[in-house]
Amino acid sequence: MLPVSVLIICSDLVEMAAIACMLSEHFGVLTAHNLEGAMRLIERPHACRLAYYEVGDDADVAREAIHVLGNAGMEVIALFRPPCPQIVQEAAASGRIQGCCALPICAESFLAQSREILCRLCPAPSREPAQPCLLTREEVKFLLGPPGIGQRDARLHSLG
């Protein structure tokens, strides 16, 4: 099972599939066509921290959706069709959303932005158990000093 899930809320099936395909290699992906469907998905026990939300033409609906997702503990990246809607610009400037991405998706910039945000929000857990710290031979030699000094001090201490 993948450690982190992301949620994609997009009415365009082709765009949703493209985004899901890009992200599914590294993260679990949940998809919904609208906010109601998304809320049903995040009620289930998942480790979702990030939602990609398609901002439509209705600014009031978009503002409410971003607010609802934020209250559910999600960070939001707004997906929009150019030109960038005023609501997206305001939300990005105020920090209410983590970023924005124009549709259709430019794969390189989208993946770079997504990796940066997801690494910040959901750091990868260490798969290796804590190991004791071992010193290399060079480090041991440095700490002990030149061979003559340590041996001489040991002889003086045994004579004393």
N, C-alpha and C. Protein backbone atom coordinates (compact mmCIF):
# COMPACT_ATOMS: atom_id res chain seq x y z
N MET A 1 0.85 -1.19 0.00
CA MET A 1 0.00 0.00 0.00
C MET A 1 0.88 1.24 0.00
N LEU A 2 0.53 2.21 -0.82
CA LEU A 2 1.29 3.44 -0.90
C LEU A 2 1.04 4.28 0.36
N PRO A 3 2.07 4.96 0.86
CA PRO A 3 1.94 5.64 2.14
C PRO A 3 1.07 6.89 2.14
N VAL A 4 0.94 7.56 1.03
CA VAL A 4 0.19 8.81 0.98
C VAL A 4 -0.76 8.77 -0.19
N SER A 5 -1.96 9.29 0.02
CA SER A 5 -2.94 9.40 -1.06
C SER A 5 -3.17 10.86 -1.38
N VAL A 6 -3.42 11.15 -2.64
CA VAL A 6 -3.81 12.49 -3.05
C VAL A 6 -5.20 12.38 -3.67
N LEU A 7 -5.90 13.47 -3.62
CA LEU A 7 -7.27 13.52 -4.11
C LEU A 7 -7.33 14.46 -5.31
N ILE A 8 -7.94 13.99 -6.38
CA ILE A 8 -8.11 14.81 -7.58
C ILE A 8 -9.60 15.05 -7.77
N ILE A 9 -9.98 16.32 -7.80
CA ILE A 9 -11.39 16.68 -8.01
C ILE A 9 -11.44 17.45 -9.32
N CYS A 10 -11.94 16.78 -10.35
CA CYS A 10 -11.90 17.37 -11.68
C CYS A 10 -13.09 16.84 -12.48
N SER A 11 -13.80 17.75 -13.14
CA SER A 11 -14.96 17.33 -13.92
C SER A 11 -14.58 16.79 -15.30
N ASP A 12 -13.39 17.13 -15.78
CA ASP A 12 -12.92 16.67 -17.08
C ASP A 12 -12.25 15.31 -16.92
N LEU A 13 -12.87 14.29 -17.45
CA LEU A 13 -12.40 12.92 -17.28
C LEU A 13 -11.00 12.71 -17.86
N VAL A 14 -10.69 13.33 -18.99
CA VAL A 14 -9.40 13.18 -19.63
C VAL A 14 -8.30 13.81 -18.77
N GLU A 15 -8.54 15.02 -18.30
CA GLU A 15 -7.56 15.69 -17.44
C GLU A 15 -7.37 14.91 -16.14
N MET A 16 -8.47 14.44 -15.55
CA MET A 16 -8.39 13.69 -14.30
C MET A 16 -7.56 12.42 -14.51
N ALA A 17 -7.76 11.73 -15.62
CA ALA A 17 -6.99 10.51 -15.91
C ALA A 17 -5.52 10.82 -16.12
N ALA A 18 -5.22 11.92 -16.79
CA ALA A 18 -3.81 12.30 -17.02
C ALA A 18 -3.12 12.62 -15.70
N ILE A 19 -3.78 13.36 -14.84
CA ILE A 19 -3.19 13.71 -13.54
C ILE A 19 -3.02 12.45 -12.69
N ALA A 20 -4.04 11.62 -12.67
CA ALA A 20 -3.98 10.38 -11.89
C ALA A 20 -2.84 9.49 -12.38
N CYS A 21 -2.66 9.41 -13.67
CA CYS A 21 -1.59 8.60 -14.25
C CYS A 21 -0.22 9.12 -13.82
N MET A 22 -0.04 10.43 -13.84
CA MET A 22 1.24 11.03 -13.45
C MET A 22 1.55 10.79 -11.99
N LEU A 23 0.54 10.86 -11.14
CA LEU A 23 0.77 10.76 -9.69
C LEU A 23 0.74 9.34 -9.16
N SER A 24 0.06 8.44 -9.86
CA SER A 24 -0.16 7.10 -9.31
C SER A 24 1.10 6.27 -9.20
N GLU A 25 2.14 6.66 -9.89
CA GLU A 25 3.40 5.92 -9.78
C GLU A 25 4.02 6.08 -8.40
N HIS A 26 3.76 7.21 -7.75
CA HIS A 26 4.39 7.51 -6.47
C HIS A 26 3.42 7.60 -5.30
N PHE A 27 2.14 7.81 -5.57
CA PHE A 27 1.17 8.04 -4.52
C PHE A 27 -0.12 7.31 -4.83
N GLY A 28 -0.87 6.99 -3.78
CA GLY A 28 -2.22 6.50 -3.98
C GLY A 28 -3.06 7.65 -4.50
N VAL A 29 -3.96 7.39 -5.40
CA VAL A 29 -4.76 8.46 -6.01
C VAL A 29 -6.24 8.16 -5.83
N LEU A 30 -6.97 9.14 -5.31
CA LEU A 30 -8.42 9.09 -5.23
C LEU A 30 -8.96 10.12 -6.19
N THR A 31 -10.05 9.83 -6.87
CA THR A 31 -10.61 10.78 -7.83
C THR A 31 -12.09 11.00 -7.56
N ALA A 32 -12.53 12.21 -7.86
CA ALA A 32 -13.95 12.56 -7.74
C ALA A 32 -14.26 13.61 -8.79
N HIS A 33 -15.53 13.62 -9.23
CA HIS A 33 -15.95 14.60 -10.23
C HIS A 33 -16.41 15.90 -9.60
N ASN A 34 -16.74 15.87 -8.30
CA ASN A 34 -17.22 17.09 -7.63
C ASN A 34 -16.88 17.04 -6.15
N LEU A 35 -17.16 18.12 -5.45
CA LEU A 35 -16.82 18.22 -4.03
C LEU A 35 -17.59 17.22 -3.19
N GLU A 36 -18.85 16.97 -3.51
CA GLU A 36 -19.64 16.02 -2.72
C GLU A 36 -19.02 14.62 -2.77
N GLY A 37 -18.66 14.19 -3.97
CA GLY A 37 -18.01 12.89 -4.11
C GLY A 37 -16.67 12.84 -3.38
N ALA A 38 -15.95 13.94 -3.43
CA ALA A 38 -14.66 14.02 -2.74
C ALA A 38 -14.83 13.90 -1.23
N MET A 39 -15.84 14.55 -0.69
CA MET A 39 -16.06 14.51 0.76
C MET A 39 -16.42 13.09 1.20
N ARG A 40 -17.13 12.36 0.39
CA ARG A 40 -17.43 10.96 0.73
C ARG A 40 -16.14 10.13 0.76
N LEU A 41 -15.22 10.42 -0.15
CA LEU A 41 -13.97 9.68 -0.20
C LEU A 41 -13.06 9.98 0.99
N ILE A 42 -12.98 11.23 1.39
CA ILE A 42 -12.05 11.56 2.48
C ILE A 42 -12.62 11.25 3.85
N GLU A 43 -13.90 10.87 3.93
CA GLU A 43 -14.44 10.41 5.20
C GLU A 43 -13.86 9.04 5.55
N ARG A 44 -13.45 8.29 4.54
CA ARG A 44 -12.83 6.98 4.77
C ARG A 44 -11.43 7.20 5.32
N PRO A 45 -10.89 6.22 6.02
CA PRO A 45 -9.55 6.40 6.61
C PRO A 45 -8.43 6.31 5.56
N HIS A 46 -7.99 7.45 5.08
CA HIS A 46 -6.88 7.54 4.13
C HIS A 46 -5.91 8.57 4.67
N ALA A 47 -4.72 8.56 4.16
CA ALA A 47 -3.71 9.54 4.56
C ALA A 47 -3.67 10.69 3.55
N CYS A 48 -4.83 11.16 3.09
CA CYS A 48 -4.88 12.26 2.13
C CYS A 48 -4.51 13.56 2.81
N ARG A 49 -3.58 14.26 2.21
CA ARG A 49 -3.21 15.57 2.71
C ARG A 49 -3.30 16.63 1.62
N LEU A 50 -3.41 16.18 0.36
CA LEU A 50 -3.36 17.12 -0.74
C LEU A 50 -4.49 16.85 -1.72
N ALA A 51 -5.16 17.93 -2.13
CA ALA A 51 -6.25 17.83 -3.11
C ALA A 51 -5.93 18.72 -4.30
N TYR A 52 -6.14 18.19 -5.48
CA TYR A 52 -6.06 18.96 -6.71
C TYR A 52 -7.51 19.27 -7.07
N TYR A 53 -7.87 20.55 -7.02
CA TYR A 53 -9.26 20.94 -7.23
C TYR A 53 -9.39 21.78 -8.48
N GLU A 54 -10.26 21.34 -9.40
CA GLU A 54 -10.51 22.10 -10.62
C GLU A 54 -11.46 23.25 -10.30
N VAL A 55 -10.96 24.45 -10.52
CA VAL A 55 -11.76 25.65 -10.28
C VAL A 55 -12.56 25.93 -11.55
N GLY A 56 -13.85 25.98 -11.43
CA GLY A 56 -14.70 26.24 -12.59
C GLY A 56 -14.95 27.72 -12.77
N ASP A 57 -16.08 28.04 -13.42
CA ASP A 57 -16.43 29.42 -13.70
C ASP A 57 -17.06 30.13 -12.51
N ASP A 58 -17.60 29.39 -11.56
CA ASP A 58 -18.30 29.98 -10.42
C ASP A 58 -17.34 30.22 -9.26
N ALA A 59 -16.97 31.48 -9.04
CA ALA A 59 -16.00 31.83 -8.01
C ALA A 59 -16.50 31.50 -6.61
N ASP A 60 -17.79 31.67 -6.35
CA ASP A 60 -18.33 31.37 -5.02
C ASP A 60 -18.25 29.89 -4.69
N VAL A 61 -18.53 29.05 -5.68
CA VAL A 61 -18.42 27.60 -5.48
C VAL A 61 -16.96 27.22 -5.22
N ALA A 62 -16.05 27.79 -5.98
CA ALA A 62 -14.63 27.50 -5.80
C ALA A 62 -14.14 27.93 -4.42
N ARG A 63 -14.53 29.12 -3.99
CA ARG A 63 -14.13 29.63 -2.67
C ARG A 63 -14.64 28.71 -1.57
N GLU A 64 -15.88 28.29 -1.67
CA GLU A 64 -16.47 27.40 -0.67
C GLU A 64 -15.79 26.03 -0.68
N ALA A 65 -15.49 25.51 -1.86
CA ALA A 65 -14.83 24.20 -1.96
C ALA A 65 -13.44 24.23 -1.34
N ILE A 66 -12.68 25.27 -1.61
CA ILE A 66 -11.35 25.42 -1.02
C ILE A 66 -11.45 25.50 0.50
N HIS A 67 -12.44 26.22 0.98
CA HIS A 67 -12.66 26.35 2.42
C HIS A 67 -13.02 25.00 3.04
N VAL A 68 -13.92 24.26 2.41
CA VAL A 68 -14.34 22.95 2.92
C VAL A 68 -13.17 21.97 2.93
N LEU A 69 -12.40 21.94 1.86
CA LEU A 69 -11.23 21.05 1.81
C LEU A 69 -10.20 21.42 2.87
N GLY A 70 -9.99 22.70 3.06
CA GLY A 70 -9.06 23.15 4.09
C GLY A 70 -9.52 22.75 5.49
N ASN A 71 -10.81 22.88 5.76
CA ASN A 71 -11.35 22.46 7.05
C ASN A 71 -11.24 20.96 7.26
N ALA A 72 -11.18 20.20 6.17
CA ALA A 72 -11.04 18.74 6.26
C ALA A 72 -9.57 18.33 6.40
N GLY A 73 -8.67 19.30 6.53
CA GLY A 73 -7.26 19.01 6.73
C GLY A 73 -6.46 18.85 5.45
N MET A 74 -7.03 19.26 4.35
CA MET A 74 -6.37 19.10 3.06
C MET A 74 -5.68 20.41 2.65
N GLU A 75 -4.55 20.25 1.98
CA GLU A 75 -3.93 21.36 1.29
C GLU A 75 -4.42 21.27 -0.15
N VAL A 76 -4.56 22.41 -0.82
CA VAL A 76 -5.20 22.44 -2.13
C VAL A 76 -4.25 23.04 -3.18
N ILE A 77 -4.23 22.39 -4.32
CA ILE A 77 -3.63 22.96 -5.53
C ILE A 77 -4.79 23.18 -6.49
N ALA A 78 -4.95 24.42 -6.94
CA ALA A 78 -6.05 24.76 -7.84
C ALA A 78 -5.67 24.43 -9.28
N LEU A 79 -6.56 23.76 -9.97
CA LEU A 79 -6.43 23.50 -11.40
C LEU A 79 -7.37 24.47 -12.11
N PHE A 80 -6.90 25.15 -13.14
CA PHE A 80 -7.75 26.13 -13.82
C PHE A 80 -7.45 26.16 -15.30
N ARG A 81 -8.41 26.66 -16.05
CA ARG A 81 -8.22 26.89 -17.47
C ARG A 81 -7.93 28.38 -17.65
N PRO A 82 -6.83 28.73 -18.37
CA PRO A 82 -6.46 30.13 -18.52
C PRO A 82 -7.59 30.95 -19.13
N PRO A 83 -7.68 32.18 -18.76
CA PRO A 83 -6.81 32.90 -17.84
C PRO A 83 -7.08 32.50 -16.38
N CYS A 84 -6.09 32.74 -15.54
CA CYS A 84 -6.19 32.36 -14.13
C CYS A 84 -7.31 33.17 -13.46
N PRO A 85 -8.30 32.49 -12.87
CA PRO A 85 -9.38 33.20 -12.20
C PRO A 85 -8.89 34.03 -11.01
N GLN A 86 -9.57 35.11 -10.75
CA GLN A 86 -9.21 36.00 -9.64
C GLN A 86 -9.19 35.24 -8.31
N ILE A 87 -10.14 34.34 -8.10
CA ILE A 87 -10.20 33.58 -6.84
C ILE A 87 -8.93 32.77 -6.62
N VAL A 88 -8.35 32.23 -7.69
CA VAL A 88 -7.11 31.45 -7.58
C VAL A 88 -5.94 32.37 -7.24
N GLN A 89 -5.88 33.51 -7.89
CA GLN A 89 -4.81 34.47 -7.60
C GLN A 89 -4.87 34.93 -6.15
N GLU A 90 -6.07 35.25 -5.67
CA GLU A 90 -6.23 35.70 -4.28
C GLU A 90 -5.87 34.59 -3.29
N ALA A 91 -6.33 33.38 -3.56
CA ALA A 91 -6.05 32.25 -2.66
C ALA A 91 -4.56 31.94 -2.61
N ALA A 92 -3.89 32.00 -3.75
CA ALA A 92 -2.45 31.75 -3.78
C ALA A 92 -1.69 32.85 -3.04
N ALA A 93 -2.11 34.11 -3.24
CA ALA A 93 -1.43 35.23 -2.58
C ALA A 93 -1.60 35.18 -1.06
N SER A 94 -2.75 34.71 -0.59
CA SER A 94 -3.00 34.68 0.85
C SER A 94 -2.53 33.39 1.52
N GLY A 95 -2.08 32.42 0.72
CA GLY A 95 -1.61 31.16 1.29
C GLY A 95 -2.70 30.14 1.57
N ARG A 96 -3.92 30.41 1.10
CA ARG A 96 -5.01 29.44 1.32
C ARG A 96 -4.85 28.20 0.46
N ILE A 97 -4.10 28.31 -0.64
CA ILE A 97 -3.81 27.14 -1.47
C ILE A 97 -2.29 27.01 -1.61
N GLN A 98 -1.85 25.80 -1.89
CA GLN A 98 -0.42 25.52 -2.00
C GLN A 98 0.14 25.90 -3.36
N GLY A 99 -0.72 26.00 -4.35
CA GLY A 99 -0.25 26.35 -5.68
C GLY A 99 -1.38 26.28 -6.68
N CYS A 100 -1.06 26.53 -7.93
CA CYS A 100 -2.05 26.45 -8.99
C CYS A 100 -1.38 25.94 -10.25
N CYS A 101 -2.20 25.33 -11.08
CA CYS A 101 -1.68 24.70 -12.29
C CYS A 101 -2.70 24.86 -13.41
N ALA A 102 -2.22 25.33 -14.54
CA ALA A 102 -3.11 25.55 -15.68
C ALA A 102 -3.42 24.22 -16.38
N LEU A 103 -4.65 24.12 -16.86
CA LEU A 103 -5.08 22.99 -17.66
C LEU A 103 -5.05 23.41 -19.12
N PRO A 104 -4.66 22.62 -20.06
CA PRO A 104 -4.17 21.25 -19.90
C PRO A 104 -2.82 21.26 -19.20
N ILE A 105 -2.51 20.15 -18.54
CA ILE A 105 -1.34 20.02 -17.69
C ILE A 105 -0.05 19.96 -18.52
N CYS A 106 0.95 20.73 -18.09
CA CYS A 106 2.31 20.60 -18.61
C CYS A 106 2.99 19.62 -17.65
N ALA A 107 3.26 18.42 -18.12
CA ALA A 107 3.71 17.32 -17.25
C ALA A 107 4.94 17.65 -16.42
N GLU A 108 5.96 18.25 -17.00
CA GLU A 108 7.20 18.51 -16.27
C GLU A 108 7.00 19.47 -15.11
N SER A 109 6.36 20.61 -15.34
CA SER A 109 6.17 21.57 -14.26
C SER A 109 5.18 21.04 -13.22
N PHE A 110 4.18 20.30 -13.68
CA PHE A 110 3.20 19.74 -12.75
C PHE A 110 3.86 18.76 -11.80
N LEU A 111 4.67 17.85 -12.32
CA LEU A 111 5.33 16.86 -11.48
C LEU A 111 6.34 17.50 -10.53
N ALA A 112 7.06 18.48 -11.00
CA ALA A 112 8.03 19.16 -10.13
C ALA A 112 7.31 19.86 -8.98
N GLN A 113 6.24 20.58 -9.28
CA GLN A 113 5.48 21.28 -8.25
C GLN A 113 4.85 20.28 -7.28
N SER A 114 4.30 19.22 -7.80
CA SER A 114 3.66 18.22 -6.95
C SER A 114 4.66 17.55 -6.01
N ARG A 115 5.82 17.16 -6.55
CA ARG A 115 6.84 16.53 -5.70
C ARG A 115 7.26 17.46 -4.56
N GLU A 116 7.49 18.71 -4.89
CA GLU A 116 7.94 19.67 -3.87
C GLU A 116 6.90 19.82 -2.77
N ILE A 117 5.64 19.96 -3.15
CA ILE A 117 4.58 20.15 -2.16
C ILE A 117 4.37 18.88 -1.35
N LEU A 118 4.32 17.73 -2.00
CA LEU A 118 4.08 16.49 -1.28
C LEU A 118 5.24 16.13 -0.37
N CYS A 119 6.46 16.41 -0.76
CA CYS A 119 7.60 16.14 0.12
C CYS A 119 7.55 17.03 1.35
N ARG A 120 7.09 18.25 1.18
CA ARG A 120 6.98 19.18 2.31
C ARG A 120 5.84 18.77 3.24
N LEU A 121 4.70 18.38 2.66
CA LEU A 121 3.54 18.02 3.46
C LEU A 121 3.62 16.62 4.05
N CYS A 122 4.16 15.70 3.30
CA CYS A 122 4.16 14.28 3.67
C CYS A 122 5.55 13.70 3.53
N PRO A 123 6.45 14.02 4.46
CA PRO A 123 7.79 13.47 4.31
C PRO A 123 7.77 11.95 4.32
N ALA A 124 8.60 11.37 3.49
CA ALA A 124 8.64 9.91 3.39
C ALA A 124 9.20 9.31 4.67
N PRO A 125 8.51 8.32 5.22
CA PRO A 125 9.03 7.70 6.44
C PRO A 125 10.29 6.90 6.11
N SER A 126 11.19 6.86 7.07
CA SER A 126 12.42 6.11 6.88
C SER A 126 12.10 4.63 6.93
N ARG A 127 12.55 3.90 5.94
CA ARG A 127 12.28 2.47 5.87
C ARG A 127 13.31 1.67 6.67
N GLU A 128 14.41 2.29 7.02
CA GLU A 128 15.45 1.59 7.74
C GLU A 128 15.35 1.90 9.23
N PRO A 129 15.49 0.89 10.08
CA PRO A 129 15.50 1.15 11.51
C PRO A 129 16.76 1.91 11.90
N ALA A 130 16.72 2.57 13.03
CA ALA A 130 17.86 3.34 13.48
C ALA A 130 19.05 2.41 13.68
N GLN A 131 20.19 2.80 13.13
CA GLN A 131 21.40 2.00 13.24
C GLN A 131 22.35 2.67 14.22
N PRO A 132 23.13 1.86 14.95
CA PRO A 132 24.13 2.48 15.81
C PRO A 132 25.18 3.17 14.94
N CYS A 133 25.76 4.20 15.46
CA CYS A 133 26.75 4.96 14.71
C CYS A 133 28.09 4.22 14.79
N LEU A 134 28.66 3.91 13.66
CA LEU A 134 29.96 3.24 13.59
C LEU A 134 30.98 4.20 13.01
N LEU A 135 32.18 4.14 13.55
CA LEU A 135 33.25 5.00 13.05
C LEU A 135 34.09 4.23 12.04
N THR A 136 34.57 4.95 11.05
CA THR A 136 35.49 4.34 10.09
C THR A 136 36.87 4.24 10.71
N ARG A 137 37.75 3.48 10.08
CA ARG A 137 39.13 3.35 10.59
C ARG A 137 39.81 4.71 10.63
N GLU A 138 39.58 5.51 9.62
CA GLU A 138 40.20 6.83 9.57
C GLU A 138 39.72 7.70 10.73
N GLU A 139 38.44 7.63 11.05
CA GLU A 139 37.92 8.41 12.17
C GLU A 139 38.48 7.93 13.50
N VAL A 140 38.62 6.62 13.67
CA VAL A 140 39.21 6.07 14.89
C VAL A 140 40.66 6.51 15.03
N LYS A 141 41.44 6.43 13.94
CA LYS A 141 42.84 6.86 13.98
C LYS A 141 42.94 8.33 14.33
N PHE A 142 42.06 9.14 13.78
CA PHE A 142 42.08 10.57 14.08
C PHE A 142 41.78 10.81 15.55
N LEU A 143 40.78 10.14 16.10
CA LEU A 143 40.42 10.33 17.50
C LEU A 143 41.51 9.84 18.46
N LEU A 144 42.19 8.76 18.11
CA LEU A 144 43.24 8.22 18.96
C LEU A 144 44.54 8.99 18.83
N GLY A 145 44.72 9.69 17.73
CA GLY A 145 45.96 10.43 17.51
C GLY A 145 47.03 9.53 16.92
N PRO A 146 48.24 10.07 16.78
CA PRO A 146 49.35 9.29 16.23
C PRO A 146 49.63 8.07 17.11
N PRO A 147 50.08 6.96 16.51
CA PRO A 147 50.27 5.72 17.25
C PRO A 147 51.20 5.83 18.46
N GLY A 148 52.27 6.59 18.41
CA GLY A 148 53.21 6.67 19.52
C GLY A 148 52.64 7.34 20.75
N ILE A 149 51.77 8.33 20.59
CA ILE A 149 51.25 9.09 21.73
C ILE A 149 50.37 8.22 22.60
N GLY A 150 49.42 7.53 22.03
CA GLY A 150 48.51 6.70 22.81
C GLY A 150 49.24 5.58 23.52
N GLN A 151 50.21 4.96 22.86
CA GLN A 151 50.94 3.85 23.46
C GLN A 151 51.83 4.36 24.59
N ARG A 152 52.50 5.51 24.40
CA ARG A 152 53.36 6.06 25.43
C ARG A 152 52.56 6.42 26.67
N ASP A 153 51.35 7.06 26.47
CA ASP A 153 50.52 7.43 27.60
C ASP A 153 50.06 6.19 28.36
N ALA A 154 49.75 5.10 27.64
CA ALA A 154 49.32 3.87 28.28
C ALA A 154 50.46 3.28 29.12
N ARG A 155 51.74 3.33 28.61
CA ARG A 155 52.87 2.81 29.37
C ARG A 155 53.13 3.65 30.60
N LEU A 156 53.03 4.98 30.46
CA LEU A 156 53.25 5.85 31.62
C LEU A 156 52.21 5.60 32.69
N HIS A 157 50.97 5.40 32.25
CA HIS A 157 49.89 5.17 33.21
C HIS A 157 50.09 3.83 33.94
N SER A 158 50.59 2.80 33.23
CA SER A 158 50.80 1.49 33.86
C SER A 158 52.01 1.53 34.80
N LEU A 159 52.98 2.43 34.56
CA LEU A 159 54.13 2.54 35.44
C LEU A 159 53.82 3.36 36.69
N GLY A 160 52.88 4.27 36.53
CA GLY A 160 52.58 5.23 37.59
C GLY A 160 51.88 4.66 38.73
